Amino acid sequence: MTTFDDRDKAFENKFAHDEELAFKVHARINKLVGQWAATQMGKTGIEAENYAVDLVQGELTSDTKHLIEKLQKDFAAAKVTVALEEINAAIVRETTIAKSQLLGDK
């Protein structure tokens, strides 16, 4: 194998690793936001955990807009008022936590 082939393979491996890590971070963010949202809606225990898991499974895109729309619909259905600013703040806070949990102090 040539040096070029080695470098090409290393780039492919790094890309795959980075994509997998990004997916894990996104899933963790959604789970943490889901736990926060469940608490806002008065869900506890297994009901709260199921909501968080459903949010992870249902929001596989990294588009925050979809996540916010889903949360707003769920809050409205639960007759809970949560300001958009509060939702955005929760997403930012949970993103910081998720990245810290998965990436450490990198």
Protein backbone atom coordinates (compact mmCIF):
# COMPACT_ATOMS: atom_id res chain seq x y z
CA MET A 1 0.00 0.00 0.00
CA THR A 2 1.33 3.45 -0.86
CA THR A 3 1.57 6.46 1.42
CA PHE A 4 -1.26 8.04 -0.55
CA ASP A 5 -3.46 4.99 0.06
CA ASP A 6 -2.61 5.09 3.77
CA ARG A 7 -3.54 8.77 3.99
CA ASP A 8 -6.73 8.20 2.04
CA LYS A 9 -7.76 5.39 4.38
CA ALA A 10 -6.89 7.50 7.44
CA PHE A 11 -9.11 10.34 6.16
CA GLU A 12 -11.95 7.91 5.52
CA ASN A 13 -11.62 6.49 9.03
CA LYS A 14 -11.53 9.96 10.58
CA PHE A 15 -14.61 11.02 8.61
CA ALA A 16 -16.52 7.92 9.73
CA HIS A 17 -15.46 8.48 13.34
CA ASP A 18 -16.46 12.17 13.23
CA GLU A 19 -19.86 11.35 11.73
CA GLU A 20 -20.53 8.69 14.36
CA LEU A 21 -19.53 11.07 17.14
CA ALA A 22 -21.75 13.84 15.73
CA PHE A 23 -24.69 11.42 15.65
CA LYS A 24 -24.06 10.40 19.27
CA VAL A 25 -23.83 14.03 20.39
CA HIS A 26 -27.07 14.87 18.56
CA ALA A 27 -28.85 11.91 20.13
CA ARG A 28 -27.58 12.86 23.60
CA ILE A 29 -28.72 16.47 23.12
CA ASN A 30 -32.20 15.30 22.15
CA LYS A 31 -32.37 12.95 25.12
CA LEU A 32 -31.33 15.66 27.58
CA VAL A 33 -33.73 18.18 26.03
CA GLY A 34 -36.43 15.50 26.13
CA GLN A 35 -35.83 14.94 29.83
CA TRP A 36 -36.03 18.68 30.45
CA ALA A 37 -39.24 18.99 28.38
CA ALA A 38 -40.81 16.01 30.13
CA THR A 39 -40.20 17.71 33.47
CA GLN A 40 -41.82 20.90 32.15
CA MET A 41 -44.88 18.86 31.21
CA GLY A 42 -45.05 17.19 34.61
CA LYS A 43 -43.93 13.78 33.40
CA THR A 44 -41.90 11.68 35.81
CA GLY A 45 -40.26 8.28 35.99
CA ILE A 46 -40.77 5.93 33.10
CA GLU A 47 -43.15 8.31 31.36
CA ALA A 48 -40.45 11.01 31.29
CA GLU A 49 -37.80 8.55 30.12
CA ASN A 50 -40.08 7.24 27.37
CA TYR A 51 -40.73 10.79 26.18
CA ALA A 52 -37.00 11.49 26.00
CA VAL A 53 -36.34 8.27 24.10
CA ASP A 54 -39.20 9.03 21.69
CA LEU A 55 -37.72 12.47 21.07
CA VAL A 56 -34.36 10.89 20.20
CA GLN A 57 -35.93 8.37 17.85
CA GLY A 58 -38.30 10.86 16.24
CA GLU A 59 -35.85 13.70 15.73
CA LEU A 60 -32.94 12.07 13.93
CA THR A 61 -32.11 15.15 11.88
CA SER A 62 -29.76 17.70 13.34
CA ASP A 63 -32.18 20.50 12.43
CA THR A 64 -32.96 22.38 15.64
CA LYS A 65 -36.00 23.93 13.97
CA HIS A 66 -37.77 20.56 13.86
CA LEU A 67 -36.91 19.91 17.50
CA ILE A 68 -38.30 23.29 18.57
CA GLU A 69 -41.49 22.77 16.55
CA LYS A 70 -41.98 19.32 18.12
CA LEU A 71 -41.47 20.70 21.62
CA GLN A 72 -43.88 23.58 21.02
CA LYS A 73 -46.56 21.16 19.78
CA ASP A 74 -46.02 18.84 22.74
CA PHE A 75 -46.13 21.72 25.23
CA ALA A 76 -49.34 23.00 23.64
CA ALA A 77 -50.89 19.52 23.77
CA ALA A 78 -49.95 19.27 27.46
CA LYS A 79 -51.36 22.77 28.03
CA VAL A 80 -48.00 23.99 29.30
CA THR A 81 -46.67 27.43 28.42
CA VAL A 82 -42.96 27.54 27.73
CA ALA A 83 -41.49 30.56 25.96
CA LEU A 84 -39.43 30.07 22.82
CA GLU A 85 -36.51 31.76 24.59
CA GLU A 86 -36.70 29.16 27.35
CA ILE A 87 -36.72 26.32 24.83
CA ASN A 88 -33.70 27.80 23.05
CA ALA A 89 -31.88 28.27 26.35
CA ALA A 90 -32.56 24.64 27.28
CA ILE A 91 -31.21 23.44 23.93
CA VAL A 92 -28.04 25.52 24.35
CA ARG A 93 -27.57 24.33 27.94
CA GLU A 94 -28.16 20.66 27.10
CA THR A 95 -25.89 20.91 24.05
CA THR A 96 -23.06 22.07 26.29
CA ILE A 97 -23.72 19.22 28.71
CA ALA A 98 -23.98 16.58 25.95
CA LYS A 99 -20.75 17.67 24.32
CA SER A 100 -19.00 17.67 27.67
CA GLN A 101 -20.27 14.17 28.45
CA LEU A 102 -19.22 12.70 25.12
CA LEU A 103 -16.19 14.73 24.21
CA GLY A 104 -14.80 15.53 27.63
CA ASP A 105 -12.61 18.61 27.84
CA LYS A 106 -11.39 18.47 24.23
